[in-house]
Amino acid sequence: MRWSEFAEKELIDVGGGERIGSVGQADLLIDPETGEIRSMLLPVGSSWFGKRQEVREVIWSHIKKIGPEMVIVERGNGFFYK
């Protein structure tokens, strides 16, 4: 799958059924040794006047299913704010 296709998808928490965010807004955290994706970093809220945003990290192994319109994520302990 190309990034342009993946970036259009919404992230959905399977437990709560809530929207987490859009893949297109995420930055990827990549393991420099293996080249594997470790997690996606999603901005939370909006940035005003250069104020630092909080970030929600979605650990890659917590992705359970990638569908045609959404990505299903099992929350578990895989989310945290930085």
PDB file of N, CA and C in Angstrom:
ATOM      1  N   MET A   1       0.846  -1.168   0.000  1.00  0.00           N
ATOM      2  CA  MET A   1       0.000   0.000   0.000  1.00  0.00           C
ATOM      3  C   MET A   1       0.896   1.238   0.000  1.00  0.00           C
ATOM      4  N   ARG A   2       0.533   2.209  -0.780  1.00  0.00           N
ATOM      5  CA  ARG A   2       1.279   3.463  -0.841  1.00  0.00           C
ATOM      6  C   ARG A   2       0.882   4.367   0.322  1.00  0.00           C
ATOM      7  N   TRP A   3       1.822   5.233   0.733  1.00  0.00           N
ATOM      8  CA  TRP A   3       1.544   6.164   1.828  1.00  0.00           C
ATOM      9  C   TRP A   3       0.351   7.050   1.491  1.00  0.00           C
ATOM     10  N   SER A   4       0.208   7.485   0.250  1.00  0.00           N
ATOM     11  CA  SER A   4      -0.900   8.362  -0.131  1.00  0.00           C
ATOM     12  C   SER A   4      -2.257   7.681   0.113  1.00  0.00           C
ATOM     13  N   GLU A   5      -2.334   6.376  -0.060  1.00  0.00           N
ATOM     14  CA  GLU A   5      -3.565   5.633   0.219  1.00  0.00           C
ATOM     15  C   GLU A   5      -3.772   5.478   1.728  1.00  0.00           C
ATOM     16  N   PHE A   6      -2.691   5.165   2.436  1.00  0.00           N
ATOM     17  CA  PHE A   6      -2.763   4.944   3.879  1.00  0.00           C
ATOM     18  C   PHE A   6      -3.099   6.244   4.617  1.00  0.00           C
ATOM     19  N   ALA A   7      -2.566   7.356   4.141  1.00  0.00           N
ATOM     20  CA  ALA A   7      -2.744   8.653   4.804  1.00  0.00           C
ATOM     21  C   ALA A   7      -4.198   9.125   4.806  1.00  0.00           C
ATOM     22  N   GLU A   8      -5.023   8.630   3.922  1.00  0.00           N
ATOM     23  CA  GLU A   8      -6.431   9.033   3.839  1.00  0.00           C
ATOM     24  C   GLU A   8      -7.307   8.347   4.885  1.00  0.00           C
ATOM     25  N   LYS A   9      -6.791   7.371   5.582  1.00  0.00           N
ATOM     26  CA  LYS A   9      -7.600   6.566   6.500  1.00  0.00           C
ATOM     27  C   LYS A   9      -7.723   7.216   7.884  1.00  0.00           C
ATOM     28  N   GLU A  10      -8.826   6.911   8.559  1.00  0.00           N
ATOM     29  CA  GLU A  10      -9.078   7.363   9.925  1.00  0.00           C
ATOM     30  C   GLU A  10      -8.643   6.275  10.897  1.00  0.00           C
ATOM     31  N   LEU A  11      -8.108   6.680  12.040  1.00  0.00           N
ATOM     32  CA  LEU A  11      -7.746   5.733  13.098  1.00  0.00           C
ATOM     33  C   LEU A  11      -8.916   5.622  14.065  1.00  0.00           C
ATOM     34  N   ILE A  12      -9.377   4.402  14.322  1.00  0.00           N
ATOM     35  CA  ILE A  12     -10.525   4.149  15.188  1.00  0.00           C
ATOM     36  C   ILE A  12     -10.113   3.198  16.311  1.00  0.00           C
ATOM     37  N   ASP A  13     -10.456   3.565  17.553  1.00  0.00           N
ATOM     38  CA  ASP A  13     -10.214   2.710  18.719  1.00  0.00           C
ATOM     39  C   ASP A  13     -11.310   1.655  18.768  1.00  0.00           C
ATOM     40  N   VAL A  14     -10.942   0.375  18.690  1.00  0.00           N
ATOM     41  CA  VAL A  14     -11.911  -0.710  18.659  1.00  0.00           C
ATOM     42  C   VAL A  14     -12.676  -0.823  19.977  1.00  0.00           C
ATOM     43  N   GLY A  15     -12.037  -0.520  21.098  1.00  0.00           N
ATOM     44  CA  GLY A  15     -12.689  -0.644  22.400  1.00  0.00           C
ATOM     45  C   GLY A  15     -13.786   0.385  22.616  1.00  0.00           C
ATOM     46  N   GLY A  16     -13.491   1.640  22.330  1.00  0.00           N
ATOM     47  CA  GLY A  16     -14.446   2.709  22.570  1.00  0.00           C
ATOM     48  C   GLY A  16     -15.213   3.136  21.332  1.00  0.00           C
ATOM     49  N   GLY A  17     -14.777   2.660  20.164  1.00  0.00           N
ATOM     50  CA  GLY A  17     -15.432   3.031  18.923  1.00  0.00           C
ATOM     51  C   GLY A  17     -15.252   4.500  18.563  1.00  0.00           C
ATOM     52  N   GLU A  18     -14.244   5.154  19.155  1.00  0.00           N
ATOM     53  CA  GLU A  18     -14.055   6.570  18.912  1.00  0.00           C
ATOM     54  C   GLU A  18     -12.955   6.820  17.896  1.00  0.00           C
ATOM     55  N   ARG A  19     -13.063   7.963  17.240  1.00  0.00           N
ATOM     56  CA  ARG A  19     -12.059   8.394  16.281  1.00  0.00           C
ATOM     57  C   ARG A  19     -10.838   8.896  17.043  1.00  0.00           C
ATOM     58  N   ILE A  20      -9.670   8.392  16.674  1.00  0.00           N
ATOM     59  CA  ILE A  20      -8.427   8.807  17.305  1.00  0.00           C
ATOM     60  C   ILE A  20      -7.803   9.956  16.525  1.00  0.00           C
ATOM     61  N   GLY A  21      -7.896   9.882  15.218  1.00  0.00           N
ATOM     62  CA  GLY A  21      -7.310  10.905  14.358  1.00  0.00           C
ATOM     63  C   GLY A  21      -7.165  10.383  12.951  1.00  0.00           C
ATOM     64  N   SER A  22      -6.478  11.153  12.142  1.00  0.00           N
ATOM     65  CA  SER A  22      -6.250  10.798  10.750  1.00  0.00           C
ATOM     66  C   SER A  22      -4.797  10.383  10.570  1.00  0.00           C
ATOM     67  N   VAL A  23      -4.582   9.336   9.823  1.00  0.00           N
ATOM     68  CA  VAL A  23      -3.229   8.856   9.571  1.00  0.00           C
ATOM     69  C   VAL A  23      -2.399   9.944   8.892  1.00  0.00           C
ATOM     70  N   GLY A  24      -3.029  10.741   8.037  1.00  0.00           N
ATOM     71  CA  GLY A  24      -2.320  11.786   7.306  1.00  0.00           C
ATOM     72  C   GLY A  24      -1.730  12.864   8.196  1.00  0.00           C
ATOM     73  N   GLN A  25      -2.220  13.010   9.418  1.00  0.00           N
ATOM     74  CA  GLN A  25      -1.702  13.996  10.358  1.00  0.00           C
ATOM     75  C   GLN A  25      -0.528  13.451  11.169  1.00  0.00           C
ATOM     76  N   ALA A  26      -0.271  12.180  11.062  1.00  0.00           N
ATOM     77  CA  ALA A  26       0.723  11.512  11.920  1.00  0.00           C
ATOM     78  C   ALA A  26       2.136  11.626  11.366  1.00  0.00           C
ATOM     79  N   ASP A  27       3.079  11.618  12.289  1.00  0.00           N
ATOM     80  CA  ASP A  27       4.486  11.418  11.963  1.00  0.00           C
ATOM     81  C   ASP A  27       4.802   9.975  12.324  1.00  0.00           C
ATOM     82  N   LEU A  28       5.718   9.379  11.585  1.00  0.00           N
ATOM     83  CA  LEU A  28       6.103   7.994  11.860  1.00  0.00           C
ATOM     84  C   LEU A  28       7.394   7.965  12.657  1.00  0.00           C
ATOM     85  N   LEU A  29       7.440   7.093  13.646  1.00  0.00           N
ATOM     86  CA  LEU A  29       8.649   6.859  14.423  1.00  0.00           C
ATOM     87  C   LEU A  29       9.224   5.543  13.904  1.00  0.00           C
ATOM     88  N   ILE A  30      10.403   5.623  13.271  1.00  0.00           N
ATOM     89  CA  ILE A  30      10.996   4.472  12.587  1.00  0.00           C
ATOM     90  C   ILE A  30      12.259   4.020  13.316  1.00  0.00           C
ATOM     91  N   ASP A  31      12.404   2.714  13.487  1.00  0.00           N
ATOM     92  CA  ASP A  31      13.599   2.144  14.104  1.00  0.00           C
ATOM     93  C   ASP A  31      14.766   2.332  13.137  1.00  0.00           C
ATOM     94  N   PRO A  32      15.801   3.067  13.526  1.00  0.00           N
ATOM     95  CA  PRO A  32      16.907   3.340  12.601  1.00  0.00           C
ATOM     96  C   PRO A  32      17.726   2.107  12.224  1.00  0.00           C
ATOM     97  N   GLU A  33      17.695   1.089  13.057  1.00  0.00           N
ATOM     98  CA  GLU A  33      18.480  -0.119  12.771  1.00  0.00           C
ATOM     99  C   GLU A  33      17.769  -1.067  11.816  1.00  0.00           C
ATOM    100  N   THR A  34      16.446  -1.221  11.978  1.00  0.00           N
ATOM    101  CA  THR A  34      15.706  -2.188  11.170  1.00  0.00           C
ATOM    102  C   THR A  34      14.890  -1.546  10.050  1.00  0.00           C
ATOM    103  N   GLY A  35      14.598  -0.247  10.181  1.00  0.00           N
ATOM    104  CA  GLY A  35      13.759   0.427   9.193  1.00  0.00           C
ATOM    105  C   GLY A  35      12.277   0.167   9.394  1.00  0.00           C
ATOM    106  N   GLU A  36      11.917  -0.545  10.469  1.00  0.00           N
ATOM    107  CA  GLU A  36      10.513  -0.847  10.748  1.00  0.00           C
ATOM    108  C   GLU A  36       9.838   0.324  11.442  1.00  0.00           C
ATOM    109  N   ILE A  37       8.548   0.463  11.204  1.00  0.00           N
ATOM    110  CA  ILE A  37       7.773   1.512  11.865  1.00  0.00           C
ATOM    111  C   ILE A  37       7.506   1.067  13.301  1.00  0.00           C
ATOM    112  N   ARG A  38       7.860   1.902  14.280  1.00  0.00           N
ATOM    113  CA  ARG A  38       7.595   1.605  15.689  1.00  0.00           C
ATOM    114  C   ARG A  38       6.222   2.114  16.102  1.00  0.00           C
ATOM    115  N   SER A  39       5.919   3.356  15.696  1.00  0.00           N
ATOM    116  CA  SER A  39       4.656   3.956  16.110  1.00  0.00           C
ATOM    117  C   SER A  39       4.322   5.151  15.230  1.00  0.00           C
ATOM    118  N   MET A  40       3.098   5.648  15.408  1.00  0.00           N
ATOM    119  CA  MET A  40       2.646   6.872  14.759  1.00  0.00           C
ATOM    120  C   MET A  40       2.437   7.915  15.840  1.00  0.00           C
ATOM    121  N   LEU A  41       2.874   9.131  15.583  1.00  0.00           N
ATOM    122  CA  LEU A  41       2.721  10.228  16.525  1.00  0.00           C
ATOM    123  C   LEU A  41       1.668  11.183  15.985  1.00  0.00           C
ATOM    124  N   LEU A  42       0.553  11.313  16.725  1.00  0.00           N
ATOM    125  CA  LEU A  42      -0.564  12.148  16.294  1.00  0.00           C
ATOM    126  C   LEU A  42      -0.645  13.413  17.132  1.00  0.00           C
ATOM    127  N   PRO A  43      -0.748  14.575  16.482  1.00  0.00           N
ATOM    128  CA  PRO A  43      -0.935  15.806  17.251  1.00  0.00           C
ATOM    129  C   PRO A  43      -2.322  15.822  17.889  1.00  0.00           C
ATOM    130  N   VAL A  44      -2.409  16.362  19.092  1.00  0.00           N
ATOM    131  CA  VAL A  44      -3.679  16.467  19.809  1.00  0.00           C
ATOM    132  C   VAL A  44      -3.967  17.952  20.005  1.00  0.00           C
ATOM    133  N   GLY A  45      -5.143  18.397  19.584  1.00  0.00           N
ATOM    134  CA  GLY A  45      -5.486  19.814  19.707  1.00  0.00           C
ATOM    135  C   GLY A  45      -4.850  20.611  18.591  1.00  0.00           C
ATOM    136  N   SER A  46      -4.787  21.920  18.774  1.00  0.00           N
ATOM    137  CA  SER A  46      -4.223  22.778  17.746  1.00  0.00           C
ATOM    138  C   SER A  46      -3.086  23.605  18.323  1.00  0.00           C
ATOM    139  N   SER A  47      -2.201  24.024  17.447  1.00  0.00           N
ATOM    140  CA  SER A  47      -1.057  24.818  17.860  1.00  0.00           C
ATOM    141  C   SER A  47      -1.351  26.296  17.638  1.00  0.00           C
ATOM    142  N   TRP A  48      -1.179  27.095  18.673  1.00  0.00           N
ATOM    143  CA  TRP A  48      -1.407  28.536  18.570  1.00  0.00           C
ATOM    144  C   TRP A  48      -0.108  29.262  18.862  1.00  0.00           C
ATOM    145  N   PHE A  49       0.296  30.105  17.954  1.00  0.00           N
ATOM    146  CA  PHE A  49       1.449  30.977  18.147  1.00  0.00           C
ATOM    147  C   PHE A  49       2.698  30.205  18.559  1.00  0.00           C
ATOM    148  N   GLY A  50       2.922  29.093  17.888  1.00  0.00           N
ATOM    149  CA  GLY A  50       4.116  28.309  18.146  1.00  0.00           C
ATOM    150  C   GLY A  50       4.092  27.505  19.440  1.00  0.00           C
ATOM    151  N   LYS A  51       2.951  27.490  20.118  1.00  0.00           N
ATOM    152  CA  LYS A  51       2.838  26.713  21.353  1.00  0.00           C
ATOM    153  C   LYS A  51       2.957  25.225  21.019  1.00  0.00           C
ATOM    154  N   ARG A  52       3.706  24.508  21.807  1.00  0.00           N
ATOM    155  CA  ARG A  52       3.937  23.086  21.565  1.00  0.00           C
ATOM    156  C   ARG A  52       2.658  22.279  21.777  1.00  0.00           C
ATOM    157  N   GLN A  53       2.364  21.420  20.817  1.00  0.00           N
ATOM    158  CA  GLN A  53       1.201  20.544  20.917  1.00  0.00           C
ATOM    159  C   GLN A  53       1.540  19.290  21.703  1.00  0.00           C
ATOM    160  N   GLU A  54       0.509  18.706  22.314  1.00  0.00           N
ATOM    161  CA  GLU A  54       0.678  17.377  22.885  1.00  0.00           C
ATOM    162  C   GLU A  54       0.630  16.372  21.742  1.00  0.00           C
ATOM    163  N   VAL A  55       1.230  15.222  21.975  1.00  0.00           N
ATOM    164  CA  VAL A  55       1.306  14.188  20.954  1.00  0.00           C
ATOM    165  C   VAL A  55       0.793  12.880  21.535  1.00  0.00           C
ATOM    166  N   ARG A  56      -0.017  12.199  20.773  1.00  0.00           N
ATOM    167  CA  ARG A  56      -0.508  10.865  21.151  1.00  0.00           C
ATOM    168  C   ARG A  56       0.259   9.855  20.314  1.00  0.00           C
ATOM    169  N   GLU A  57       0.850   8.867  20.972  1.00  0.00           N
ATOM    170  CA  GLU A  57       1.613   7.840  20.272  1.00  0.00           C
ATOM    171  C   GLU A  57       0.772   6.582  20.141  1.00  0.00           C
ATOM    172  N   VAL A  58       0.647   6.095  18.909  1.00  0.00           N
ATOM    173  CA  VAL A  58      -0.061   4.845  18.632  1.00  0.00           C
ATOM    174  C   VAL A  58       1.003   3.821  18.245  1.00  0.00           C
ATOM    175  N   ILE A  59       1.191   2.834  19.097  1.00  0.00           N
ATOM    176  CA  ILE A  59       2.205   1.813  18.846  1.00  0.00           C
ATOM    177  C   ILE A  59       1.761   0.924  17.683  1.00  0.00           C
ATOM    178  N   TRP A  60       2.656   0.719  16.744  1.00  0.00           N
ATOM    179  CA  TRP A  60       2.330   0.024  15.497  1.00  0.00           C
ATOM    180  C   TRP A  60       1.748  -1.367  15.728  1.00  0.00           C
ATOM    181  N   SER A  61       2.252  -2.089  16.713  1.00  0.00           N
ATOM    182  CA  SER A  61       1.764  -3.459  16.956  1.00  0.00           C
ATOM    183  C   SER A  61       0.331  -3.482  17.480  1.00  0.00           C
ATOM    184  N   HIS A  62      -0.218  -2.334  17.865  1.00  0.00           N
ATOM    185  CA  HIS A  62      -1.596  -2.274  18.350  1.00  0.00           C
ATOM    186  C   HIS A  62      -2.596  -2.074  17.219  1.00  0.00           C
ATOM    187  N   ILE A  63      -2.107  -1.943  15.998  1.00  0.00           N
ATOM    188  CA  ILE A  63      -2.997  -1.874  14.836  1.00  0.00           C
ATOM    189  C   ILE A  63      -3.480  -3.288  14.552  1.00  0.00           C
ATOM    190  N   LYS A  64      -4.796  -3.469  14.558  1.00  0.00           N
ATOM    191  CA  LYS A  64      -5.374  -4.804  14.382  1.00  0.00           C
ATOM    192  C   LYS A  64      -5.857  -5.067  12.970  1.00  0.00           C
ATOM    193  N   LYS A  65      -6.307  -4.019  12.262  1.00  0.00           N
ATOM    194  CA  LYS A  65      -6.857  -4.225  10.921  1.00  0.00           C
ATOM    195  C   LYS A  65      -6.762  -2.929  10.132  1.00  0.00           C
ATOM    196  N   ILE A  66      -6.343  -3.029   8.884  1.00  0.00           N
ATOM    197  CA  ILE A  66      -6.342  -1.882   7.982  1.00  0.00           C
ATOM    198  C   ILE A  66      -7.390  -2.166   6.924  1.00  0.00           C
ATOM    199  N   GLY A  67      -8.472  -1.382   6.966  1.00  0.00           N
ATOM    200  CA  GLY A  67      -9.573  -1.559   6.033  1.00  0.00           C
ATOM    201  C   GLY A  67      -9.519  -0.534   4.916  1.00  0.00           C
ATOM    202  N   PRO A  68     -10.538  -0.521   4.051  1.00  0.00           N
ATOM    203  CA  PRO A  68     -10.546   0.402   2.918  1.00  0.00           C
ATOM    204  C   PRO A  68     -10.688   1.872   3.328  1.00  0.00           C
ATOM    205  N   GLU A  69     -11.292   2.149   4.493  1.00  0.00           N
ATOM    206  CA  GLU A  69     -11.513   3.532   4.909  1.00  0.00           C
ATOM    207  C   GLU A  69     -10.945   3.859   6.287  1.00  0.00           C
ATOM    208  N   MET A  70     -10.620   2.833   7.069  1.00  0.00           N
ATOM    209  CA  MET A  70     -10.166   3.104   8.428  1.00  0.00           C
ATOM    210  C   MET A  70      -9.138   2.089   8.895  1.00  0.00           C
ATOM    211  N   VAL A  71      -8.442   2.469   9.972  1.00  0.00           N
ATOM    212  CA  VAL A  71      -7.462   1.608  10.622  1.00  0.00           C
ATOM    213  C   VAL A  71      -7.987   1.344  12.029  1.00  0.00           C
ATOM    214  N   ILE A  72      -8.160   0.074  12.375  1.00  0.00           N
ATOM    215  CA  ILE A  72      -8.686  -0.315  13.675  1.00  0.00           C
ATOM    216  C   ILE A  72      -7.519  -0.556  14.628  1.00  0.00           C
ATOM    217  N   VAL A  73      -7.568   0.129  15.777  1.00  0.00           N
ATOM    218  CA  VAL A  73      -6.489   0.066  16.763  1.00  0.00           C
ATOM    219  C   VAL A  73      -7.056  -0.413  18.089  1.00  0.00           C
ATOM    220  N   GLU A  74      -6.331  -1.315  18.750  1.00  0.00           N
ATOM    221  CA  GLU A  74      -6.701  -1.747  20.087  1.00  0.00           C
ATOM    222  C   GLU A  74      -5.908  -0.903  21.065  1.00  0.00           C
ATOM    223  N   ARG A  75      -6.591  -0.129  21.856  1.00  0.00           N
ATOM    224  CA  ARG A  75      -5.942   0.870  22.712  1.00  0.00           C
ATOM    225  C   ARG A  75      -4.971   0.243  23.701  1.00  0.00           C
ATOM    226  N   GLY A  76      -5.402  -0.616  24.565  1.00  0.00           N
ATOM    227  CA  GLY A  76      -4.510  -1.221  25.558  1.00  0.00           C
ATOM    228  C   GLY A  76      -3.679  -0.174  26.246  1.00  0.00           C
ATOM    229  N   ASN A  77      -2.412  -0.425  26.403  1.00  0.00           N
ATOM    230  CA  ASN A  77      -1.484   0.540  26.967  1.00  0.00           C
ATOM    231  C   ASN A  77      -0.710   1.245  25.866  1.00  0.00           C
ATOM    232  N   GLY A  78      -1.228   1.197  24.643  1.00  0.00           N
ATOM    233  CA  GLY A  78      -0.486   1.712  23.488  1.00  0.00           C
ATOM    234  C   GLY A  78      -0.614   3.174  23.218  1.00  0.00           C
ATOM    235  N   PHE A  79      -1.350   3.935  24.033  1.00  0.00           N
ATOM    236  CA  PHE A  79      -1.457   5.360  23.812  1.00  0.00           C
ATOM    237  C   PHE A  79      -0.873   6.093  24.992  1.00  0.00           C
ATOM    238  N   PHE A  80      -0.164   7.121  24.712  1.00  0.00           N
ATOM    239  CA  PHE A  80       0.256   8.001  25.778  1.00  0.00           C
ATOM    240  C   PHE A  80       0.579   9.362  25.189  1.00  0.00           C
ATOM    241  N   TYR A  81       0.599  10.349  26.038  1.00  0.00           N
ATOM    242  CA  TYR A  81       0.900  11.708  25.616  1.00  0.00           C
ATOM    243  C   TYR A  81       2.328  12.036  25.953  1.00  0.00           C
ATOM    244  N   LYS A  82       2.946  12.809  25.098  1.00  0.00           N
ATOM    245  CA  LYS A  82       4.318  13.257  25.335  1.00  0.00           C
ATOM    246  C   LYS A  82       4.288  14.721  25.694  1.00  0.00           C
TER     247      LYS A  82
END
